[in-house]
Amino acid sequence: MCVLCFDPSSLFGRHFIYGTENGQLGSLALDSTSAKRGWTLLNDKKKGGVTVVSQVDITHSGVADMVVGRDDGMLEVYKFSANEEPALVFANEMSESITAIDSGAILSNTNENELIVSTYSGKIACFSTEVTAPVCDARFIPAIRYQLFRGTD
């Protein structure tokens, strides 16, 4: 199981988001006196187990998105909206288990957030919403650059 302390802006209270070995995702809302179970996304499509959960506003909505990596190599981005379960807005299948996800401006010329994903064998991939060509330097680890869809809400 992996757990992320998640606070997507002020739409929700303090949440812990968890992913399980059987592929389910869910949330717990906490305050000073109680814990309340929030949404749960069942694994109806038999996706792999959750290996990492991260947060970054990759959809440019002003609210942090949930980014999920799975042991079958699936990378997923879920968007939040007020009082609703997260909605899947992007998915990409890598060739092997995802071990880590981070974000930052790595390959672009702008300060746009990009997702940096590593796999079990050490492959590094970069996902971006920017349409610009990647800026790569041979001194750095070669990265694969993917284009994420950019929402228009």
N, C-alpha and C. Protein backbone atom coordinates (compact mmCIF):
# COMPACT_ATOMS: atom_id res chain seq x y z
N MET A 1 0.84 -1.17 0.00
CA MET A 1 0.00 0.00 0.00
C MET A 1 0.89 1.24 0.00
N CYS A 2 0.48 2.24 -0.74
CA CYS A 2 1.16 3.52 -0.69
C CYS A 2 0.15 4.58 -0.27
N VAL A 3 0.64 5.61 0.43
CA VAL A 3 -0.24 6.63 0.99
C VAL A 3 0.35 8.00 0.67
N LEU A 4 -0.52 8.95 0.38
CA LEU A 4 -0.11 10.33 0.10
C LEU A 4 -0.98 11.26 0.92
N CYS A 5 -0.35 12.17 1.66
CA CYS A 5 -1.09 13.22 2.34
C CYS A 5 -1.43 14.25 1.27
N PHE A 6 -2.71 14.45 0.99
CA PHE A 6 -3.16 15.17 -0.18
C PHE A 6 -4.09 16.30 0.23
N ASP A 7 -3.81 17.49 -0.19
CA ASP A 7 -4.65 18.63 0.14
C ASP A 7 -4.86 19.46 -1.12
N PRO A 8 -5.75 19.04 -2.04
CA PRO A 8 -5.93 19.75 -3.30
C PRO A 8 -6.68 21.06 -3.12
N SER A 9 -5.92 22.12 -2.88
CA SER A 9 -6.45 23.47 -2.69
C SER A 9 -7.41 23.47 -1.51
N SER A 10 -8.46 24.25 -1.58
CA SER A 10 -9.40 24.31 -0.47
C SER A 10 -10.72 23.62 -0.81
N LEU A 11 -10.74 22.82 -1.87
CA LEU A 11 -11.98 22.13 -2.24
C LEU A 11 -12.34 21.06 -1.22
N PHE A 12 -11.34 20.50 -0.56
CA PHE A 12 -11.56 19.41 0.38
C PHE A 12 -10.85 19.74 1.68
N GLY A 13 -11.15 19.00 2.73
CA GLY A 13 -10.37 19.09 3.95
C GLY A 13 -9.07 18.32 3.76
N ARG A 14 -8.40 18.02 4.83
CA ARG A 14 -7.16 17.25 4.76
C ARG A 14 -7.47 15.80 4.41
N HIS A 15 -6.84 15.30 3.38
CA HIS A 15 -7.10 13.95 2.90
C HIS A 15 -5.82 13.13 2.87
N PHE A 16 -6.00 11.84 3.09
CA PHE A 16 -4.96 10.88 2.79
C PHE A 16 -5.49 10.04 1.65
N ILE A 17 -4.71 9.92 0.61
CA ILE A 17 -5.09 9.10 -0.54
C ILE A 17 -4.22 7.85 -0.50
N TYR A 18 -4.84 6.71 -0.73
CA TYR A 18 -4.10 5.46 -0.67
C TYR A 18 -4.34 4.65 -1.94
N GLY A 19 -3.35 3.84 -2.26
CA GLY A 19 -3.44 2.87 -3.35
C GLY A 19 -3.05 1.52 -2.79
N THR A 20 -3.70 0.48 -3.26
CA THR A 20 -3.47 -0.85 -2.70
C THR A 20 -2.84 -1.79 -3.72
N GLU A 21 -2.35 -2.92 -3.21
CA GLU A 21 -1.75 -3.93 -4.08
C GLU A 21 -2.75 -4.50 -5.07
N ASN A 22 -4.04 -4.49 -4.72
CA ASN A 22 -5.05 -5.01 -5.65
C ASN A 22 -5.57 -3.94 -6.60
N GLY A 23 -4.92 -2.75 -6.61
CA GLY A 23 -5.22 -1.72 -7.60
C GLY A 23 -6.27 -0.70 -7.25
N GLN A 24 -6.85 -0.78 -6.06
CA GLN A 24 -7.86 0.19 -5.67
C GLN A 24 -7.22 1.49 -5.21
N LEU A 25 -7.97 2.58 -5.37
CA LEU A 25 -7.57 3.90 -4.88
C LEU A 25 -8.68 4.40 -3.98
N GLY A 26 -8.31 5.14 -2.93
CA GLY A 26 -9.34 5.67 -2.05
C GLY A 26 -8.81 6.83 -1.24
N SER A 27 -9.71 7.46 -0.48
CA SER A 27 -9.31 8.60 0.34
C SER A 27 -9.93 8.51 1.73
N LEU A 28 -9.23 9.10 2.67
CA LEU A 28 -9.71 9.26 4.04
C LEU A 28 -9.64 10.73 4.38
N ALA A 29 -10.71 11.28 4.92
CA ALA A 29 -10.73 12.67 5.36
C ALA A 29 -10.49 12.69 6.87
N LEU A 30 -9.57 13.53 7.30
CA LEU A 30 -9.22 13.59 8.72
C LEU A 30 -9.43 14.99 9.27
N ASP A 31 -9.90 15.04 10.49
CA ASP A 31 -9.87 16.29 11.23
C ASP A 31 -9.33 15.97 12.62
N SER A 32 -9.42 16.88 13.55
CA SER A 32 -8.79 16.69 14.86
C SER A 32 -9.48 15.62 15.71
N THR A 33 -10.71 15.25 15.36
CA THR A 33 -11.43 14.29 16.19
C THR A 33 -11.87 13.01 15.49
N SER A 34 -11.83 12.97 14.16
CA SER A 34 -12.36 11.78 13.49
C SER A 34 -11.73 11.56 12.13
N ALA A 35 -11.97 10.36 11.63
CA ALA A 35 -11.57 9.99 10.27
C ALA A 35 -12.82 9.52 9.55
N LYS A 36 -12.97 9.94 8.31
CA LYS A 36 -14.14 9.57 7.52
C LYS A 36 -13.68 9.06 6.17
N ARG A 37 -14.21 7.90 5.78
CA ARG A 37 -13.88 7.35 4.47
C ARG A 37 -14.48 8.22 3.39
N GLY A 38 -13.65 8.55 2.38
CA GLY A 38 -14.12 9.36 1.26
C GLY A 38 -14.46 8.47 0.07
N TRP A 39 -14.03 8.88 -1.10
CA TRP A 39 -14.31 8.13 -2.32
C TRP A 39 -13.43 6.89 -2.39
N THR A 40 -13.88 5.93 -3.17
CA THR A 40 -13.11 4.71 -3.47
C THR A 40 -13.27 4.41 -4.94
N LEU A 41 -12.15 4.19 -5.63
CA LEU A 41 -12.17 3.76 -7.02
C LEU A 41 -11.80 2.28 -7.04
N LEU A 42 -12.77 1.44 -7.33
CA LEU A 42 -12.54 0.01 -7.39
C LEU A 42 -11.72 -0.33 -8.63
N ASN A 43 -11.10 -1.46 -8.62
CA ASN A 43 -10.26 -1.89 -9.73
C ASN A 43 -11.05 -2.84 -10.64
N ASP A 44 -12.13 -2.35 -11.23
CA ASP A 44 -12.99 -3.17 -12.08
C ASP A 44 -12.30 -3.64 -13.35
N LYS A 45 -11.34 -2.85 -13.84
CA LYS A 45 -10.66 -3.20 -15.09
C LYS A 45 -9.41 -4.04 -14.87
N LYS A 46 -9.21 -4.49 -13.64
CA LYS A 46 -8.09 -5.38 -13.29
C LYS A 46 -6.74 -4.77 -13.66
N LYS A 47 -6.56 -3.49 -13.33
CA LYS A 47 -5.27 -2.83 -13.53
C LYS A 47 -4.30 -3.36 -12.48
N GLY A 48 -3.02 -3.04 -12.64
CA GLY A 48 -2.01 -3.49 -11.70
C GLY A 48 -2.13 -2.82 -10.35
N GLY A 49 -1.35 -3.33 -9.40
CA GLY A 49 -1.31 -2.75 -8.06
C GLY A 49 -0.70 -1.36 -8.10
N VAL A 50 -1.10 -0.52 -7.16
CA VAL A 50 -0.60 0.85 -7.09
C VAL A 50 0.77 0.83 -6.40
N THR A 51 1.77 1.38 -7.07
CA THR A 51 3.12 1.43 -6.51
C THR A 51 3.50 2.82 -6.03
N VAL A 52 2.89 3.86 -6.60
CA VAL A 52 3.22 5.23 -6.21
C VAL A 52 2.03 6.15 -6.51
N VAL A 53 1.79 7.10 -5.59
CA VAL A 53 0.78 8.13 -5.78
C VAL A 53 1.46 9.47 -5.53
N SER A 54 1.22 10.42 -6.43
CA SER A 54 1.83 11.74 -6.31
C SER A 54 0.78 12.79 -6.62
N GLN A 55 1.14 14.06 -6.45
CA GLN A 55 0.22 15.14 -6.78
C GLN A 55 0.96 16.26 -7.47
N VAL A 56 0.32 16.83 -8.50
CA VAL A 56 0.85 17.98 -9.22
C VAL A 56 -0.31 18.54 -10.05
N ASP A 57 -0.35 19.83 -10.23
CA ASP A 57 -1.40 20.43 -11.06
C ASP A 57 -0.95 20.39 -12.52
N ILE A 58 -1.00 19.22 -13.11
CA ILE A 58 -0.54 19.03 -14.49
C ILE A 58 -1.62 19.46 -15.49
N THR A 59 -2.89 19.52 -15.06
CA THR A 59 -3.98 19.92 -15.97
C THR A 59 -4.23 21.42 -15.94
N HIS A 60 -3.47 22.16 -15.15
CA HIS A 60 -3.57 23.63 -15.08
C HIS A 60 -4.96 24.10 -14.65
N SER A 61 -5.57 23.37 -13.71
CA SER A 61 -6.90 23.72 -13.22
C SER A 61 -6.86 24.56 -11.95
N GLY A 62 -5.69 24.70 -11.36
CA GLY A 62 -5.57 25.39 -10.08
C GLY A 62 -5.75 24.46 -8.90
N VAL A 63 -6.05 23.19 -9.15
CA VAL A 63 -6.21 22.17 -8.11
C VAL A 63 -5.24 21.03 -8.43
N ALA A 64 -4.55 20.55 -7.41
CA ALA A 64 -3.60 19.46 -7.62
C ALA A 64 -4.30 18.22 -8.17
N ASP A 65 -3.69 17.60 -9.16
CA ASP A 65 -4.18 16.35 -9.74
C ASP A 65 -3.50 15.18 -9.06
N MET A 66 -4.13 14.02 -9.10
CA MET A 66 -3.55 12.81 -8.54
C MET A 66 -2.88 12.04 -9.68
N VAL A 67 -1.60 11.70 -9.48
CA VAL A 67 -0.84 10.95 -10.47
C VAL A 67 -0.53 9.59 -9.86
N VAL A 68 -0.87 8.52 -10.59
CA VAL A 68 -0.76 7.16 -10.07
C VAL A 68 0.15 6.33 -10.97
N GLY A 69 1.07 5.60 -10.36
CA GLY A 69 1.89 4.63 -11.07
C GLY A 69 1.54 3.24 -10.60
N ARG A 70 1.53 2.29 -11.52
CA ARG A 70 1.12 0.91 -11.19
C ARG A 70 2.22 -0.09 -11.52
N ASP A 71 2.11 -1.27 -10.91
CA ASP A 71 3.15 -2.28 -11.13
C ASP A 71 3.07 -2.93 -12.50
N ASP A 72 1.99 -2.70 -13.25
CA ASP A 72 1.90 -3.20 -14.62
C ASP A 72 2.39 -2.16 -15.63
N GLY A 73 2.93 -1.02 -15.15
CA GLY A 73 3.47 0.01 -16.02
C GLY A 73 2.50 1.09 -16.41
N MET A 74 1.29 1.08 -15.88
CA MET A 74 0.29 2.09 -16.23
C MET A 74 0.54 3.37 -15.43
N LEU A 75 0.58 4.50 -16.14
CA LEU A 75 0.66 5.82 -15.53
C LEU A 75 -0.68 6.49 -15.76
N GLU A 76 -1.29 7.04 -14.70
CA GLU A 76 -2.61 7.65 -14.80
C GLU A 76 -2.61 9.02 -14.13
N VAL A 77 -3.35 9.96 -14.72
CA VAL A 77 -3.57 11.27 -14.13
C VAL A 77 -5.07 11.43 -13.91
N TYR A 78 -5.45 11.75 -12.67
CA TYR A 78 -6.84 11.95 -12.30
C TYR A 78 -7.04 13.41 -11.92
N LYS A 79 -8.10 14.02 -12.41
CA LYS A 79 -8.44 15.41 -12.12
C LYS A 79 -9.54 15.44 -11.07
N PHE A 80 -9.44 16.39 -10.14
CA PHE A 80 -10.45 16.56 -9.09
C PHE A 80 -11.36 17.73 -9.43
N SER A 81 -12.61 17.61 -9.03
CA SER A 81 -13.53 18.73 -9.06
C SER A 81 -14.34 18.67 -7.77
N ALA A 82 -14.99 19.74 -7.42
CA ALA A 82 -15.64 19.86 -6.12
C ALA A 82 -16.61 18.72 -5.85
N ASN A 83 -16.43 18.08 -4.70
CA ASN A 83 -17.34 17.05 -4.18
C ASN A 83 -17.58 15.88 -5.14
N GLU A 84 -16.62 15.54 -5.95
CA GLU A 84 -16.77 14.41 -6.86
C GLU A 84 -15.56 13.49 -6.74
N GLU A 85 -15.75 12.26 -7.20
CA GLU A 85 -14.63 11.35 -7.29
C GLU A 85 -13.67 11.86 -8.36
N PRO A 86 -12.41 11.52 -8.26
CA PRO A 86 -11.46 11.93 -9.30
C PRO A 86 -11.81 11.28 -10.63
N ALA A 87 -11.56 12.01 -11.73
CA ALA A 87 -11.86 11.50 -13.07
C ALA A 87 -10.56 11.29 -13.82
N LEU A 88 -10.42 10.15 -14.47
CA LEU A 88 -9.23 9.84 -15.25
C LEU A 88 -9.18 10.74 -16.49
N VAL A 89 -8.06 11.48 -16.66
CA VAL A 89 -7.93 12.36 -17.81
C VAL A 89 -6.75 11.97 -18.71
N PHE A 90 -5.86 11.11 -18.23
CA PHE A 90 -4.72 10.69 -19.03
C PHE A 90 -4.25 9.34 -18.53
N ALA A 91 -3.87 8.47 -19.48
CA ALA A 91 -3.28 7.18 -19.13
C ALA A 91 -2.26 6.81 -20.19
N ASN A 92 -1.16 6.24 -19.76
CA ASN A 92 -0.12 5.79 -20.68
C ASN A 92 0.49 4.52 -20.11
N GLU A 93 0.70 3.55 -20.97
CA GLU A 93 1.29 2.30 -20.52
C GLU A 93 2.79 2.29 -20.79
N MET A 94 3.56 2.19 -19.73
CA MET A 94 5.01 2.05 -19.84
C MET A 94 5.28 0.55 -19.99
N SER A 95 6.51 0.19 -20.26
CA SER A 95 6.82 -1.21 -20.51
C SER A 95 7.08 -2.01 -19.24
N GLU A 96 7.15 -1.35 -18.08
CA GLU A 96 7.45 -2.06 -16.84
C GLU A 96 6.96 -1.27 -15.64
N SER A 97 7.08 -1.86 -14.47
CA SER A 97 6.57 -1.27 -13.23
C SER A 97 7.12 0.13 -12.98
N ILE A 98 6.22 1.02 -12.57
CA ILE A 98 6.61 2.39 -12.24
C ILE A 98 7.02 2.43 -10.77
N THR A 99 8.21 2.98 -10.51
CA THR A 99 8.74 3.00 -9.15
C THR A 99 8.72 4.38 -8.51
N ALA A 100 8.71 5.45 -9.30
CA ALA A 100 8.71 6.80 -8.72
C ALA A 100 8.13 7.79 -9.71
N ILE A 101 7.50 8.84 -9.16
CA ILE A 101 6.95 9.93 -9.96
C ILE A 101 7.31 11.23 -9.26
N ASP A 102 7.79 12.20 -10.02
CA ASP A 102 8.06 13.53 -9.48
C ASP A 102 7.65 14.54 -10.52
N SER A 103 7.78 15.81 -10.21
CA SER A 103 7.39 16.84 -11.18
C SER A 103 8.32 18.02 -11.08
N GLY A 104 8.33 18.81 -12.15
CA GLY A 104 9.15 20.02 -12.21
C GLY A 104 9.35 20.40 -13.66
N ALA A 105 10.07 21.49 -13.89
CA ALA A 105 10.40 21.92 -15.25
C ALA A 105 11.76 21.32 -15.59
N ILE A 106 11.77 20.22 -16.30
CA ILE A 106 13.00 19.49 -16.55
C ILE A 106 13.50 19.67 -17.98
N LEU A 107 12.67 19.36 -18.97
CA LEU A 107 13.13 19.38 -20.36
C LEU A 107 12.61 20.56 -21.17
N SER A 108 11.68 21.32 -20.63
CA SER A 108 11.10 22.41 -21.41
C SER A 108 11.84 23.71 -21.15
N ASN A 109 11.61 24.67 -22.04
CA ASN A 109 12.19 25.99 -21.90
C ASN A 109 11.36 26.89 -21.00
N THR A 110 10.22 26.40 -20.55
CA THR A 110 9.32 27.19 -19.72
C THR A 110 9.35 26.65 -18.30
N ASN A 111 8.56 27.22 -17.44
CA ASN A 111 8.46 26.72 -16.07
C ASN A 111 7.24 25.82 -15.89
N GLU A 112 6.77 25.20 -16.97
CA GLU A 112 5.63 24.30 -16.91
C GLU A 112 6.01 23.02 -16.16
N ASN A 113 5.07 22.52 -15.34
CA ASN A 113 5.30 21.26 -14.67
C ASN A 113 5.31 20.12 -15.67
N GLU A 114 6.26 19.23 -15.52
CA GLU A 114 6.34 18.01 -16.30
C GLU A 114 6.38 16.85 -15.30
N LEU A 115 5.88 15.71 -15.71
CA LEU A 115 5.97 14.52 -14.88
C LEU A 115 7.24 13.76 -15.23
N ILE A 116 8.01 13.40 -14.23
CA ILE A 116 9.20 12.59 -14.43
C ILE A 116 8.91 11.24 -13.80
N VAL A 117 9.01 10.19 -14.60
CA VAL A 117 8.63 8.85 -14.17
C VAL A 117 9.82 7.93 -14.30
N SER A 118 10.08 7.12 -13.27
CA SER A 118 11.13 6.11 -13.38
C SER A 118 10.51 4.72 -13.27
N THR A 119 11.14 3.77 -13.94
CA THR A 119 10.64 2.40 -13.94
C THR A 119 11.60 1.49 -13.18
N TYR A 120 11.20 0.26 -13.01
CA TYR A 120 11.96 -0.73 -12.24
C TYR A 120 13.40 -0.88 -12.73
N SER A 121 13.60 -0.86 -14.05
CA SER A 121 14.96 -1.06 -14.58
C SER A 121 15.76 0.25 -14.65
N GLY A 122 15.14 1.36 -14.27
CA GLY A 122 15.85 2.64 -14.25
C GLY A 122 15.57 3.54 -15.44
N LYS A 123 14.64 3.17 -16.29
CA LYS A 123 14.28 4.05 -17.39
C LYS A 123 13.64 5.32 -16.83
N ILE A 124 13.90 6.44 -17.49
CA ILE A 124 13.33 7.73 -17.10
C ILE A 124 12.50 8.24 -18.27
N ALA A 125 11.27 8.68 -17.98
CA ALA A 125 10.41 9.26 -19.01
C ALA A 125 9.88 10.59 -18.49
N CYS A 126 9.67 11.52 -19.41
CA CYS A 126 9.16 12.83 -19.06
C CYS A 126 7.86 13.06 -19.83
N PHE A 127 6.82 13.48 -19.11
CA PHE A 127 5.53 13.77 -19.72
C PHE A 127 5.25 15.25 -19.52
N SER A 128 4.82 15.93 -20.59
CA SER A 128 4.62 17.36 -20.53
C SER A 128 3.35 17.77 -21.25
N THR A 129 2.79 18.92 -20.85
CA THR A 129 1.67 19.49 -21.57
C THR A 129 2.15 20.50 -22.59
N GLU A 130 3.43 20.82 -22.59
CA GLU A 130 3.99 21.79 -23.51
C GLU A 130 4.16 21.19 -24.90
N VAL A 131 3.94 22.00 -25.92
CA VAL A 131 4.04 21.55 -27.30
C VAL A 131 5.44 21.80 -27.85
N THR A 132 6.28 22.49 -27.10
CA THR A 132 7.61 22.83 -27.57
C THR A 132 8.50 21.60 -27.66
N ALA A 133 9.52 21.68 -28.49
CA ALA A 133 10.46 20.58 -28.63
C ALA A 133 11.28 20.44 -27.35
N PRO A 134 11.67 19.22 -26.99
CA PRO A 134 12.45 19.03 -25.77
C PRO A 134 13.86 19.62 -25.91
N VAL A 135 14.38 20.08 -24.80
CA VAL A 135 15.76 20.56 -24.76
C VAL A 135 16.54 19.51 -24.00
N CYS A 136 17.40 18.78 -24.68
CA CYS A 136 18.15 17.70 -24.04
C CYS A 136 19.63 18.02 -24.08
N ASP A 137 20.33 17.60 -23.08
CA ASP A 137 21.77 17.77 -22.99
C ASP A 137 22.36 16.39 -22.81
N ALA A 138 23.34 16.03 -23.61
CA ALA A 138 23.93 14.69 -23.58
C ALA A 138 24.56 14.36 -22.22
N ARG A 139 24.81 15.36 -21.39
CA ARG A 139 25.38 15.09 -20.07
C ARG A 139 24.36 14.50 -19.11
N PHE A 140 23.07 14.66 -19.44
CA PHE A 140 22.02 14.16 -18.57
C PHE A 140 21.53 12.80 -19.04
N ILE A 141 20.83 12.10 -18.17
CA ILE A 141 20.26 10.81 -18.52
C ILE A 141 19.28 11.01 -19.67
N PRO A 142 19.39 10.20 -20.73
CA PRO A 142 18.42 10.34 -21.82
C PRO A 142 17.01 10.10 -21.30
N ALA A 143 16.09 10.89 -21.76
CA ALA A 143 14.70 10.76 -21.32
C ALA A 143 13.80 10.67 -22.54
N ILE A 144 12.71 9.98 -22.38
CA ILE A 144 11.68 9.91 -23.41
C ILE A 144 10.70 11.02 -23.08
N ARG A 145 10.28 11.77 -24.06
CA ARG A 145 9.34 12.86 -23.80
C ARG A 145 8.00 12.51 -24.43
N TYR A 146 6.97 12.61 -23.66
CA TYR A 146 5.62 12.34 -24.11
C TYR A 146 4.79 13.62 -24.02
N GLN A 147 3.77 13.70 -24.81
CA GLN A 147 2.87 14.85 -24.76
C GLN A 147 1.62 14.47 -23.98
N LEU A 148 1.31 15.22 -22.94
CA LEU A 148 0.06 15.06 -22.21
C LEU A 148 -0.99 15.94 -22.85
N PHE A 149 -2.22 15.53 -22.77
CA PHE A 149 -3.27 16.38 -23.29
C PHE A 149 -3.48 17.52 -22.31
N ARG A 150 -3.78 18.67 -22.80
CA ARG A 150 -4.04 19.84 -21.94
C ARG A 150 -5.53 20.15 -21.98
N GLY A 151 -6.15 20.13 -20.81
CA GLY A 151 -7.58 20.39 -20.69
C GLY A 151 -7.89 21.85 -20.98
N THR A 152 -9.14 22.12 -21.31
CA THR A 152 -9.55 23.47 -21.66
C THR A 152 -10.69 23.96 -20.78
N ASP A 153 -10.74 23.52 -19.52
CA ASP A 153 -11.85 23.92 -18.63
C ASP A 153 -11.85 25.40 -18.38
